[in-house]
PDB file of all heavy atoms in Angstrom:
ATOM      1  N   GLU A   1     -11.348   7.577  18.877  1.00  0.00           N
ATOM      2  CA  GLU A   1     -10.893   6.177  19.009  1.00  0.00           C
ATOM      3  C   GLU A   1     -10.180   5.640  17.784  1.00  0.00           C
ATOM      4  O   GLU A   1     -10.327   6.140  16.747  1.00  0.00           O
ATOM      5  CB  GLU A   1     -12.143   5.266  19.146  1.00  0.00           C
ATOM      6  CG  GLU A   1     -12.961   5.471  20.380  1.00  0.00           C
ATOM      7  CD  GLU A   1     -14.189   4.617  20.451  1.00  0.00           C
ATOM      8  OE1 GLU A   1     -14.660   4.142  19.414  1.00  0.00           O
ATOM      9  OE2 GLU A   1     -14.675   4.348  21.603  1.00  0.00           O
ATOM     10  N   ARG A   2      -9.325   4.623  18.102  1.00  0.00           N
ATOM     11  CA  ARG A   2      -8.671   3.898  17.015  1.00  0.00           C
ATOM     12  C   ARG A   2      -8.980   2.427  17.237  1.00  0.00           C
ATOM     13  O   ARG A   2      -9.434   2.034  18.247  1.00  0.00           O
ATOM     14  CB  ARG A   2      -7.205   4.193  17.118  1.00  0.00           C
ATOM     15  CG  ARG A   2      -6.754   5.528  16.619  1.00  0.00           C
ATOM     16  CD  ARG A   2      -5.212   5.572  16.429  1.00  0.00           C
ATOM     17  NE  ARG A   2      -4.856   6.925  15.916  1.00  0.00           N
ATOM     18  CZ  ARG A   2      -4.730   7.292  14.616  1.00  0.00           C
ATOM     19  NH1 ARG A   2      -4.938   6.320  13.732  1.00  0.00           N
ATOM     20  NH2 ARG A   2      -4.404   8.447  14.152  1.00  0.00           N
ATOM     21  N   VAL A   3      -8.726   1.643  16.177  1.00  0.00           N
ATOM     22  CA  VAL A   3      -8.921   0.259  16.198  1.00  0.00           C
ATOM     23  C   VAL A   3      -7.915  -0.452  15.299  1.00  0.00           C
ATOM     24  O   VAL A   3      -7.473   0.206  14.278  1.00  0.00           O
ATOM     25  CB  VAL A   3     -10.413  -0.155  15.719  1.00  0.00           C
ATOM     26  CG1 VAL A   3     -10.609   0.244  14.382  1.00  0.00           C
ATOM     27  CG2 VAL A   3     -10.645  -1.655  16.076  1.00  0.00           C
ATOM     28  N   GLN A   4      -7.336  -1.604  15.635  1.00  0.00           N
ATOM     29  CA  GLN A   4      -6.466  -2.311  14.805  1.00  0.00           C
ATOM     30  C   GLN A   4      -7.278  -2.999  13.650  1.00  0.00           C
ATOM     31  O   GLN A   4      -8.281  -3.602  13.960  1.00  0.00           O
ATOM     32  CB  GLN A   4      -5.516  -3.304  15.485  1.00  0.00           C
ATOM     33  CG  GLN A   4      -4.435  -2.706  16.243  1.00  0.00           C
ATOM     34  CD  GLN A   4      -3.287  -3.691  16.468  1.00  0.00           C
ATOM     35  OE1 GLN A   4      -3.576  -4.757  16.884  1.00  0.00           O
ATOM     36  NE2 GLN A   4      -2.114  -3.137  16.449  1.00  0.00           N
ATOM     37  N   SER A   5      -6.772  -2.727  12.456  1.00  0.00           N
ATOM     38  CA  SER A   5      -7.537  -3.328  11.250  1.00  0.00           C
ATOM     39  C   SER A   5      -6.496  -3.958  10.374  1.00  0.00           C
ATOM     40  O   SER A   5      -5.346  -3.477  10.387  1.00  0.00           O
ATOM     41  CB  SER A   5      -8.231  -2.222  10.554  1.00  0.00           C
ATOM     42  OG  SER A   5      -9.138  -1.554  11.478  1.00  0.00           O
ATOM     43  N   VAL A   6      -6.861  -4.862   9.579  1.00  0.00           N
ATOM     44  CA  VAL A   6      -6.022  -5.496   8.559  1.00  0.00           C
ATOM     45  C   VAL A   6      -6.617  -4.998   7.191  1.00  0.00           C
ATOM     46  O   VAL A   6      -7.815  -5.131   6.878  1.00  0.00           O
ATOM     47  CB  VAL A   6      -6.127  -7.025   8.652  1.00  0.00           C
ATOM     48  CG1 VAL A   6      -5.247  -7.595   7.542  1.00  0.00           C
ATOM     49  CG2 VAL A   6      -5.563  -7.469   9.969  1.00  0.00           C
ATOM     50  N   LEU A   7      -5.749  -4.445   6.449  1.00  0.00           N
ATOM     51  CA  LEU A   7      -6.091  -4.027   4.968  1.00  0.00           C
ATOM     52  C   LEU A   7      -5.335  -5.010   4.138  1.00  0.00           C
ATOM     53  O   LEU A   7      -4.078  -5.045   4.138  1.00  0.00           O
ATOM     54  CB  LEU A   7      -5.652  -2.642   4.785  1.00  0.00           C
ATOM     55  CG  LEU A   7      -5.876  -1.958   3.404  1.00  0.00           C
ATOM     56  CD1 LEU A   7      -7.271  -2.163   2.923  1.00  0.00           C
ATOM     57  CD2 LEU A   7      -5.394  -0.580   3.296  1.00  0.00           C
ATOM     58  N   VAL A   8      -6.050  -5.815   3.291  1.00  0.00           N
ATOM     59  CA  VAL A   8      -5.405  -6.831   2.484  1.00  0.00           C
ATOM     60  C   VAL A   8      -5.851  -6.626   1.011  1.00  0.00           C
ATOM     61  O   VAL A   8      -6.959  -6.299   0.749  1.00  0.00           O
ATOM     62  CB  VAL A   8      -5.947  -8.240   2.952  1.00  0.00           C
ATOM     63  CG1 VAL A   8      -5.333  -9.267   2.007  1.00  0.00           C
ATOM     64  CG2 VAL A   8      -5.537  -8.470   4.434  1.00  0.00           C
ATOM     65  N   PHE A   9      -4.796  -6.784   0.159  1.00  0.00           N
ATOM     66  CA  PHE A   9      -5.054  -6.670  -1.211  1.00  0.00           C
ATOM     67  C   PHE A   9      -4.648  -7.956  -1.851  1.00  0.00           C
ATOM     68  O   PHE A   9      -3.543  -8.558  -1.559  1.00  0.00           O
ATOM     69  CB  PHE A   9      -4.134  -5.567  -1.880  1.00  0.00           C
ATOM     70  CG  PHE A   9      -4.493  -4.216  -1.451  1.00  0.00           C
ATOM     71  CD1 PHE A   9      -3.762  -3.681  -0.225  1.00  0.00           C
ATOM     72  CD2 PHE A   9      -5.420  -3.477  -2.042  1.00  0.00           C
ATOM     73  CE1 PHE A   9      -4.187  -2.408   0.232  1.00  0.00           C
ATOM     74  CE2 PHE A   9      -5.725  -2.205  -1.467  1.00  0.00           C
ATOM     75  CZ  PHE A   9      -5.130  -1.731  -0.514  1.00  0.00           C
ATOM     76  N   GLU A  10      -5.513  -8.539  -2.721  1.00  0.00           N
ATOM     77  CA  GLU A  10      -5.191  -9.794  -3.400  1.00  0.00           C
ATOM     78  C   GLU A  10      -4.812  -9.552  -4.827  1.00  0.00           C
ATOM     79  O   GLU A  10      -4.933  -8.385  -5.301  1.00  0.00           O
ATOM     80  CB  GLU A  10      -6.496 -10.727  -3.374  1.00  0.00           C
ATOM     81  CG  GLU A  10      -7.078 -10.960  -2.002  1.00  0.00           C
ATOM     82  CD  GLU A  10      -6.214 -11.949  -1.149  1.00  0.00           C
ATOM     83  OE1 GLU A  10      -5.244 -12.554  -1.744  1.00  0.00           O
ATOM     84  OE2 GLU A  10      -6.530 -12.066   0.007  1.00  0.00           O
ATOM     85  N   ASN A  11      -4.482 -10.562  -5.595  1.00  0.00           N
ATOM     86  CA  ASN A  11      -4.079 -10.420  -7.022  1.00  0.00           C
ATOM     87  C   ASN A  11      -2.812  -9.580  -7.234  1.00  0.00           C
ATOM     88  O   ASN A  11      -2.686  -8.857  -8.273  1.00  0.00           O
ATOM     89  CB  ASN A  11      -5.212  -9.901  -7.877  1.00  0.00           C
ATOM     90  CG  ASN A  11      -6.440 -10.703  -7.646  1.00  0.00           C
ATOM     91  OD1 ASN A  11      -6.432 -11.915  -7.721  1.00  0.00           O
ATOM     92  ND2 ASN A  11      -7.542 -10.015  -7.416  1.00  0.00           N
ATOM     93  N   VAL A  12      -1.967  -9.386  -6.226  1.00  0.00           N
ATOM     94  CA  VAL A  12      -0.831  -8.496  -6.347  1.00  0.00           C
ATOM     95  C   VAL A  12       0.365  -9.227  -7.032  1.00  0.00           C
ATOM     96  O   VAL A  12       0.731 -10.240  -6.615  1.00  0.00           O
ATOM     97  CB  VAL A  12      -0.292  -8.059  -4.941  1.00  0.00           C
ATOM     98  CG1 VAL A  12       0.878  -7.078  -5.071  1.00  0.00           C
ATOM     99  CG2 VAL A  12      -1.494  -7.307  -4.222  1.00  0.00           C
ATOM    100  N   GLN A  13       0.785  -8.574  -8.073  1.00  0.00           N
ATOM    101  CA  GLN A  13       1.891  -9.153  -8.890  1.00  0.00           C
ATOM    102  C   GLN A  13       3.231  -8.572  -8.492  1.00  0.00           C
ATOM    103  O   GLN A  13       4.303  -9.130  -8.703  1.00  0.00           O
ATOM    104  CB  GLN A  13       1.587  -8.899 -10.356  1.00  0.00           C
ATOM    105  CG  GLN A  13       0.361  -9.624 -10.797  1.00  0.00           C
ATOM    106  CD  GLN A  13      -0.090  -9.205 -12.202  1.00  0.00           C
ATOM    107  OE1 GLN A  13      -0.004  -7.994 -12.533  1.00  0.00           O
ATOM    108  NE2 GLN A  13      -0.460 -10.124 -13.040  1.00  0.00           N
ATOM    109  N   GLY A  14       3.294  -7.347  -7.925  1.00  0.00           N
ATOM    110  CA  GLY A  14       4.452  -6.751  -7.517  1.00  0.00           C
ATOM    111  C   GLY A  14       4.298  -5.540  -6.625  1.00  0.00           C
ATOM    112  O   GLY A  14       3.238  -4.969  -6.699  1.00  0.00           O
ATOM    113  N   VAL A  15       5.370  -5.184  -5.855  1.00  0.00           N
ATOM    114  CA  VAL A  15       5.200  -4.004  -5.007  1.00  0.00           C
ATOM    115  C   VAL A  15       6.516  -3.151  -5.204  1.00  0.00           C
ATOM    116  O   VAL A  15       7.605  -3.692  -5.345  1.00  0.00           O
ATOM    117  CB  VAL A  15       5.171  -4.491  -3.552  1.00  0.00           C
ATOM    118  CG1 VAL A  15       5.243  -3.354  -2.560  1.00  0.00           C
ATOM    119  CG2 VAL A  15       3.978  -5.401  -3.380  1.00  0.00           C
ATOM    120  N   ALA A  16       6.296  -1.834  -5.331  1.00  0.00           N
ATOM    121  CA  ALA A  16       7.416  -0.826  -5.353  1.00  0.00           C
ATOM    122  C   ALA A  16       7.111   0.206  -4.357  1.00  0.00           C
ATOM    123  O   ALA A  16       5.905   0.483  -4.078  1.00  0.00           O
ATOM    124  CB  ALA A  16       7.501  -0.289  -6.833  1.00  0.00           C
ATOM    125  N   SER A  17       8.126   0.801  -3.804  1.00  0.00           N
ATOM    126  CA  SER A  17       7.897   1.975  -2.897  1.00  0.00           C
ATOM    127  C   SER A  17       8.978   3.067  -3.247  1.00  0.00           C
ATOM    128  O   SER A  17       9.974   2.889  -3.859  1.00  0.00           O
ATOM    129  CB  SER A  17       8.085   1.459  -1.521  1.00  0.00           C
ATOM    130  OG  SER A  17       9.430   0.974  -1.274  1.00  0.00           O
ATOM    131  N   GLN A  18       8.558   4.279  -2.713  1.00  0.00           N
ATOM    132  CA  GLN A  18       9.452   5.440  -2.754  1.00  0.00           C
ATOM    133  C   GLN A  18       9.239   6.161  -1.428  1.00  0.00           C
ATOM    134  O   GLN A  18       8.196   6.238  -0.882  1.00  0.00           O
ATOM    135  CB  GLN A  18       9.221   6.331  -3.918  1.00  0.00           C
ATOM    136  CG  GLN A  18       7.997   7.219  -3.864  1.00  0.00           C
ATOM    137  CD  GLN A  18       7.828   8.114  -5.104  1.00  0.00           C
ATOM    138  OE1 GLN A  18       8.292   7.816  -6.175  1.00  0.00           O
ATOM    139  NE2 GLN A  18       7.241   9.210  -4.827  1.00  0.00           N
ATOM    140  N   GLY A  19      10.388   6.696  -0.943  1.00  0.00           N
ATOM    141  CA  GLY A  19      10.326   7.543   0.256  1.00  0.00           C
ATOM    142  C   GLY A  19      10.066   6.706   1.521  1.00  0.00           C
ATOM    143  O   GLY A  19       9.730   7.366   2.540  1.00  0.00           O
ATOM    144  N   ILE A  20      10.121   5.354   1.462  1.00  0.00           N
ATOM    145  CA  ILE A  20       9.981   4.526   2.603  1.00  0.00           C
ATOM    146  C   ILE A  20      11.108   3.493   2.689  1.00  0.00           C
ATOM    147  O   ILE A  20      11.457   2.895   1.766  1.00  0.00           O
ATOM    148  CB  ILE A  20       8.618   3.604   2.452  1.00  0.00           C
ATOM    149  CG1 ILE A  20       7.418   4.512   2.323  1.00  0.00           C
ATOM    150  CG2 ILE A  20       8.486   2.621   3.550  1.00  0.00           C
ATOM    151  CD1 ILE A  20       6.161   3.835   1.934  1.00  0.00           C
ATOM    152  N   ASP A  21      11.748   3.587   3.864  1.00  0.00           N
ATOM    153  CA  ASP A  21      12.872   2.760   4.119  1.00  0.00           C
ATOM    154  C   ASP A  21      12.409   1.460   4.836  1.00  0.00           C
ATOM    155  O   ASP A  21      12.178   1.400   5.980  1.00  0.00           O
ATOM    156  CB  ASP A  21      13.979   3.480   4.990  1.00  0.00           C
ATOM    157  CG  ASP A  21      15.173   2.559   5.357  1.00  0.00           C
ATOM    158  OD1 ASP A  21      15.275   1.377   4.859  1.00  0.00           O
ATOM    159  OD2 ASP A  21      16.132   3.003   6.009  1.00  0.00           O
ATOM    160  N   ARG A  22      12.129   0.403   3.996  1.00  0.00           N
ATOM    161  CA  ARG A  22      11.576  -0.832   4.479  1.00  0.00           C
ATOM    162  C   ARG A  22      12.386  -1.641   5.437  1.00  0.00           C
ATOM    163  O   ARG A  22      12.009  -2.473   6.153  1.00  0.00           O
ATOM    164  CB  ARG A  22      11.074  -1.698   3.354  1.00  0.00           C
ATOM    165  CG  ARG A  22       9.822  -1.044   2.642  1.00  0.00           C
ATOM    166  CD  ARG A  22       9.155  -2.003   1.780  1.00  0.00           C
ATOM    167  NE  ARG A  22       9.600  -1.975   0.424  1.00  0.00           N
ATOM    168  CZ  ARG A  22       9.069  -2.772  -0.492  1.00  0.00           C
ATOM    169  NH1 ARG A  22       8.170  -3.580  -0.331  1.00  0.00           N
ATOM    170  NH2 ARG A  22       9.607  -2.678  -1.750  1.00  0.00           N
ATOM    171  N   SER A  23      13.690  -1.249   5.479  1.00  0.00           N
ATOM    172  CA  SER A  23      14.641  -1.838   6.406  1.00  0.00           C
ATOM    173  C   SER A  23      14.628  -1.238   7.784  1.00  0.00           C
ATOM    174  O   SER A  23      15.099  -1.849   8.737  1.00  0.00           O
ATOM    175  CB  SER A  23      16.100  -1.773   5.851  1.00  0.00           C
ATOM    176  OG  SER A  23      16.592  -0.485   5.844  1.00  0.00           O
ATOM    177  N   ASP A  24      14.011  -0.001   7.876  1.00  0.00           N
ATOM    178  CA  ASP A  24      13.918   0.630   9.153  1.00  0.00           C
ATOM    179  C   ASP A  24      12.614   0.263   9.863  1.00  0.00           C
ATOM    180  O   ASP A  24      11.583   0.873   9.622  1.00  0.00           O
ATOM    181  CB  ASP A  24      13.915   2.194   8.992  1.00  0.00           C
ATOM    182  CG  ASP A  24      13.785   2.988  10.213  1.00  0.00           C
ATOM    183  OD1 ASP A  24      13.724   2.343  11.308  1.00  0.00           O
ATOM    184  OD2 ASP A  24      13.756   4.160  10.149  1.00  0.00           O
ATOM    185  N   LYS A  25      12.643  -0.867  10.565  1.00  0.00           N
ATOM    186  CA  LYS A  25      11.425  -1.396  11.112  1.00  0.00           C
ATOM    187  C   LYS A  25      10.707  -0.566  12.210  1.00  0.00           C
ATOM    188  O   LYS A  25       9.600  -0.719  12.564  1.00  0.00           O
ATOM    189  CB  LYS A  25      11.706  -2.793  11.713  1.00  0.00           C
ATOM    190  CG  LYS A  25      12.290  -3.766  10.796  1.00  0.00           C
ATOM    191  CD  LYS A  25      11.398  -4.052   9.585  1.00  0.00           C
ATOM    192  CE  LYS A  25      11.970  -5.060   8.712  1.00  0.00           C
ATOM    193  NZ  LYS A  25      11.185  -5.202   7.392  1.00  0.00           N
ATOM    194  N   ASP A  26      11.441   0.545  12.576  1.00  0.00           N
ATOM    195  CA  ASP A  26      10.845   1.486  13.613  1.00  0.00           C
ATOM    196  C   ASP A  26      10.196   2.571  12.967  1.00  0.00           C
ATOM    197  O   ASP A  26       9.460   3.482  13.617  1.00  0.00           O
ATOM    198  CB  ASP A  26      11.920   1.966  14.573  1.00  0.00           C
ATOM    199  CG  ASP A  26      12.414   0.904  15.464  1.00  0.00           C
ATOM    200  OD1 ASP A  26      11.699  -0.001  15.790  1.00  0.00           O
ATOM    201  OD2 ASP A  26      13.667   0.889  15.776  1.00  0.00           O
ATOM    202  N   GLN A  27      10.308   2.843  11.684  1.00  0.00           N
ATOM    203  CA  GLN A  27       9.688   3.918  10.973  1.00  0.00           C
ATOM    204  C   GLN A  27       8.154   3.727  10.981  1.00  0.00           C
ATOM    205  O   GLN A  27       7.689   2.707  10.759  1.00  0.00           O
ATOM    206  CB  GLN A  27      10.186   3.927   9.523  1.00  0.00           C
ATOM    207  CG  GLN A  27       9.565   5.120   8.741  1.00  0.00           C
ATOM    208  CD  GLN A  27       9.994   5.144   7.283  1.00  0.00           C
ATOM    209  OE1 GLN A  27      10.530   4.203   6.742  1.00  0.00           O
ATOM    210  NE2 GLN A  27       9.755   6.211   6.593  1.00  0.00           N
ATOM    211  N   VAL A  28       7.464   4.848  11.404  1.00  0.00           N
ATOM    212  CA  VAL A  28       6.048   4.828  11.470  1.00  0.00           C
ATOM    213  C   VAL A  28       5.510   5.650  10.278  1.00  0.00           C
ATOM    214  O   VAL A  28       5.964   6.640   9.997  1.00  0.00           O
ATOM    215  CB  VAL A  28       5.546   5.455  12.824  1.00  0.00           C
ATOM    216  CG1 VAL A  28       4.033   5.582  12.809  1.00  0.00           C
ATOM    217  CG2 VAL A  28       6.099   4.691  14.014  1.00  0.00           C
ATOM    218  N   LEU A  29       4.553   4.887   9.620  1.00  0.00           N
ATOM    219  CA  LEU A  29       3.926   5.546   8.512  1.00  0.00           C
ATOM    220  C   LEU A  29       2.505   5.966   8.735  1.00  0.00           C
ATOM    221  O   LEU A  29       1.858   5.337   9.645  1.00  0.00           O
ATOM    222  CB  LEU A  29       3.828   4.447   7.356  1.00  0.00           C
ATOM    223  CG  LEU A  29       5.146   3.815   6.917  1.00  0.00           C
ATOM    224  CD1 LEU A  29       4.864   2.708   5.847  1.00  0.00           C
ATOM    225  CD2 LEU A  29       5.998   4.832   6.256  1.00  0.00           C
ATOM    226  N   SER A  30       2.017   7.040   8.144  1.00  0.00           N
ATOM    227  CA  SER A  30       0.661   7.516   8.352  1.00  0.00           C
ATOM    228  C   SER A  30       0.034   7.526   6.926  1.00  0.00           C
ATOM    229  O   SER A  30       0.399   8.262   6.047  1.00  0.00           O
ATOM    230  CB  SER A  30       0.722   8.964   8.902  1.00  0.00           C
ATOM    231  OG  SER A  30      -0.573   9.465   9.094  1.00  0.00           O
ATOM    232  N   LEU A  31      -0.959   6.649   6.752  1.00  0.00           N
ATOM    233  CA  LEU A  31      -1.717   6.429   5.503  1.00  0.00           C
ATOM    234  C   LEU A  31      -2.600   7.644   5.265  1.00  0.00           C
ATOM    235  O   LEU A  31      -3.488   8.008   6.052  1.00  0.00           O
ATOM    236  CB  LEU A  31      -2.519   5.123   5.499  1.00  0.00           C
ATOM    237  CG  LEU A  31      -3.166   4.778   4.236  1.00  0.00           C
ATOM    238  CD1 LEU A  31      -2.197   4.516   3.090  1.00  0.00           C
ATOM    239  CD2 LEU A  31      -4.002   3.589   4.534  1.00  0.00           C
ATOM    240  N   LEU A  32      -2.400   8.260   4.091  1.00  0.00           N
ATOM    241  CA  LEU A  32      -3.249   9.369   3.652  1.00  0.00           C
ATOM    242  C   LEU A  32      -4.370   8.953   2.743  1.00  0.00           C
ATOM    243  O   LEU A  32      -5.522   9.461   2.841  1.00  0.00           O
ATOM    244  CB  LEU A  32      -2.419  10.424   2.961  1.00  0.00           C
ATOM    245  CG  LEU A  32      -1.412  11.077   3.890  1.00  0.00           C
ATOM    246  CD1 LEU A  32      -0.527  12.117   3.067  1.00  0.00           C
ATOM    247  CD2 LEU A  32      -1.986  11.678   5.121  1.00  0.00           C
ATOM    248  N   SER A  33      -4.082   8.074   1.763  1.00  0.00           N
ATOM    249  CA  SER A  33      -5.118   7.712   0.831  1.00  0.00           C
ATOM    250  C   SER A  33      -4.740   6.368   0.128  1.00  0.00           C
ATOM    251  O   SER A  33      -3.534   5.985   0.111  1.00  0.00           O
ATOM    252  CB  SER A  33      -5.325   8.728  -0.262  1.00  0.00           C
ATOM    253  OG  SER A  33      -4.212   8.855  -1.028  1.00  0.00           O
ATOM    254  N   VAL A  34      -5.764   5.769  -0.474  1.00  0.00           N
ATOM    255  CA  VAL A  34      -5.534   4.556  -1.273  1.00  0.00           C
ATOM    256  C   VAL A  34      -6.328   4.858  -2.632  1.00  0.00           C
ATOM    257  O   VAL A  34      -7.437   5.150  -2.659  1.00  0.00           O
ATOM    258  CB  VAL A  34      -6.224   3.318  -0.626  1.00  0.00           C
ATOM    259  CG1 VAL A  34      -5.933   2.088  -1.455  1.00  0.00           C
ATOM    260  CG2 VAL A  34      -5.635   3.100   0.858  1.00  0.00           C
ATOM    261  N   GLU A  35      -5.478   4.708  -3.742  1.00  0.00           N
ATOM    262  CA  GLU A  35      -6.046   5.106  -4.984  1.00  0.00           C
ATOM    263  C   GLU A  35      -5.782   4.017  -5.968  1.00  0.00           C
ATOM    264  O   GLU A  35      -4.905   3.175  -5.795  1.00  0.00           O
ATOM    265  CB  GLU A  35      -5.373   6.372  -5.507  1.00  0.00           C
ATOM    266  CG  GLU A  35      -5.619   7.587  -4.625  1.00  0.00           C
ATOM    267  CD  GLU A  35      -4.764   8.842  -4.966  1.00  0.00           C
ATOM    268  OE1 GLU A  35      -3.807   8.642  -5.836  1.00  0.00           O
ATOM    269  OE2 GLU A  35      -4.940   9.902  -4.447  1.00  0.00           O
ATOM    270  N   PHE A  36      -6.547   4.035  -7.116  1.00  0.00           N
ATOM    271  CA  PHE A  36      -6.338   2.993  -8.155  1.00  0.00           C
ATOM    272  C   PHE A  36      -6.148   3.737  -9.505  1.00  0.00           C
ATOM    273  O   PHE A  36      -6.969   4.663  -9.862  1.00  0.00           O
ATOM    274  CB  PHE A  36      -7.602   2.040  -8.216  1.00  0.00           C
ATOM    275  CG  PHE A  36      -7.381   1.061  -9.338  1.00  0.00           C
ATOM    276  CD1 PHE A  36      -6.509  -0.030  -9.129  1.00  0.00           C
ATOM    277  CD2 PHE A  36      -8.205   1.087 -10.431  1.00  0.00           C
ATOM    278  CE1 PHE A  36      -6.315  -0.924 -10.083  1.00  0.00           C
ATOM    279  CE2 PHE A  36      -8.014   0.148 -11.384  1.00  0.00           C
ATOM    280  CZ  PHE A  36      -7.098  -0.933 -11.237  1.00  0.00           C
ATOM    281  N   ALA A  37      -5.140   3.290 -10.203  1.00  0.00           N
ATOM    282  CA  ALA A  37      -4.841   3.762 -11.562  1.00  0.00           C
ATOM    283  C   ALA A  37      -5.051   2.661 -12.564  1.00  0.00           C
ATOM    284  O   ALA A  37      -4.176   1.682 -12.443  1.00  0.00           O
ATOM    285  CB  ALA A  37      -3.528   4.375 -11.586  1.00  0.00           C
ATOM    286  N   GLU A  38      -6.034   2.599 -13.299  1.00  0.00           N
ATOM    287  CA  GLU A  38      -6.168   1.507 -14.292  1.00  0.00           C
ATOM    288  C   GLU A  38      -5.207   1.568 -15.370  1.00  0.00           C
ATOM    289  O   GLU A  38      -4.898   2.637 -15.848  1.00  0.00           O
ATOM    290  CB  GLU A  38      -7.621   1.570 -14.841  1.00  0.00           C
ATOM    291  CG  GLU A  38      -8.002   0.373 -15.647  1.00  0.00           C
ATOM    292  CD  GLU A  38      -9.509   0.373 -15.997  1.00  0.00           C
ATOM    293  OE1 GLU A  38      -9.771   1.103 -17.079  1.00  0.00           O
ATOM    294  OE2 GLU A  38     -10.294  -0.162 -15.307  1.00  0.00           O
ATOM    295  N   ILE A  39      -4.603   0.370 -15.679  1.00  0.00           N
ATOM    296  CA  ILE A  39      -3.639   0.393 -16.816  1.00  0.00           C
ATOM    297  C   ILE A  39      -4.297  -0.376 -18.076  1.00  0.00           C
ATOM    298  O   ILE A  39      -4.390   0.252 -19.166  1.00  0.00           O
ATOM    299  CB  ILE A  39      -2.374  -0.404 -16.333  1.00  0.00           C
ATOM    300  CG1 ILE A  39      -1.755   0.301 -15.164  1.00  0.00           C
ATOM    301  CG2 ILE A  39      -1.353  -0.511 -17.473  1.00  0.00           C
ATOM    302  CD1 ILE A  39      -1.343   1.793 -15.284  1.00  0.00           C
ATOM    303  N   ASP A  40      -4.718  -1.608 -17.821  1.00  0.00           N
ATOM    304  CA  ASP A  40      -5.363  -2.380 -18.825  1.00  0.00           C
ATOM    305  C   ASP A  40      -6.427  -3.143 -18.207  1.00  0.00           C
ATOM    306  O   ASP A  40      -6.227  -4.249 -17.600  1.00  0.00           O
ATOM    307  CB  ASP A  40      -4.299  -3.359 -19.467  1.00  0.00           C
ATOM    308  CG  ASP A  40      -4.869  -4.035 -20.651  1.00  0.00           C
ATOM    309  OD1 ASP A  40      -5.850  -3.647 -21.199  1.00  0.00           O
ATOM    310  OD2 ASP A  40      -4.178  -5.036 -21.047  1.00  0.00           O
ATOM    311  N   ALA A  41      -7.733  -2.623 -18.225  1.00  0.00           N
ATOM    312  CA  ALA A  41      -8.786  -3.154 -17.408  1.00  0.00           C
ATOM    313  C   ALA A  41      -8.815  -4.655 -17.387  1.00  0.00           C
ATOM    314  O   ALA A  41      -8.634  -5.283 -18.416  1.00  0.00           O
ATOM    315  CB  ALA A  41     -10.112  -2.573 -17.998  1.00  0.00           C
ATOM    316  N   PRO A  42      -9.031  -5.297 -16.223  1.00  0.00           N
ATOM    317  CA  PRO A  42      -9.175  -4.699 -14.990  1.00  0.00           C
ATOM    318  C   PRO A  42      -7.891  -4.384 -14.139  1.00  0.00           C
ATOM    319  O   PRO A  42      -7.905  -4.096 -12.948  1.00  0.00           O
ATOM    320  CB  PRO A  42     -10.038  -5.719 -14.208  1.00  0.00           C
ATOM    321  CG  PRO A  42      -9.527  -7.014 -14.786  1.00  0.00           C
ATOM    322  CD  PRO A  42      -9.176  -6.709 -16.218  1.00  0.00           C
ATOM    323  N   SER A  43      -6.727  -4.665 -14.818  1.00  0.00           N
ATOM    324  CA  SER A  43      -5.548  -4.489 -14.062  1.00  0.00           C
ATOM    325  C   SER A  43      -5.095  -3.015 -13.956  1.00  0.00           C
ATOM    326  O   SER A  43      -5.599  -2.146 -14.546  1.00  0.00           O
ATOM    327  CB  SER A  43      -4.312  -5.270 -14.748  1.00  0.00           C
ATOM    328  OG  SER A  43      -4.052  -4.809 -15.996  1.00  0.00           O
ATOM    329  N   GLY A  44      -4.158  -2.815 -12.978  1.00  0.00           N
ATOM    330  CA  GLY A  44      -3.679  -1.431 -12.752  1.00  0.00           C
ATOM    331  C   GLY A  44      -2.741  -1.378 -11.533  1.00  0.00           C
ATOM    332  O   GLY A  44      -2.142  -2.431 -11.111  1.00  0.00           O
ATOM    333  N   HIS A  45      -2.683  -0.194 -10.962  1.00  0.00           N
ATOM    334  CA  HIS A  45      -1.852  -0.003  -9.803  1.00  0.00           C
ATOM    335  C   HIS A  45      -2.710   0.493  -8.658  1.00  0.00           C
ATOM    336  O   HIS A  45      -3.495   1.544  -8.830  1.00  0.00           O
ATOM    337  CB  HIS A  45      -0.720   1.050 -10.051  1.00  0.00           C
ATOM    338  CG  HIS A  45       0.238   0.519 -11.104  1.00  0.00           C
ATOM    339  ND1 HIS A  45       0.693   1.310 -12.073  1.00  0.00           N
ATOM    340  CD2 HIS A  45       0.885  -0.652 -11.300  1.00  0.00           C
ATOM    341  CE1 HIS A  45       1.484   0.665 -12.963  1.00  0.00           C
ATOM    342  NE2 HIS A  45       1.667  -0.435 -12.320  1.00  0.00           N
TER     343      HIS A  45
END
C-alpha cells in the first residue's frame, strides 16, 4: 500500500538542489533518505 502524506520542514532559510530540474513539472522523484548535517548547533542542513 501507499498513502499520500505531507512532509513539512519549518525554520527553512534557503533551498538548493542538484540533479533536479524544478521547471520540469512532470519529472517524478523517488525519495531515498532524509539526513541532517549539523553546521552550528542547532542549525544545519
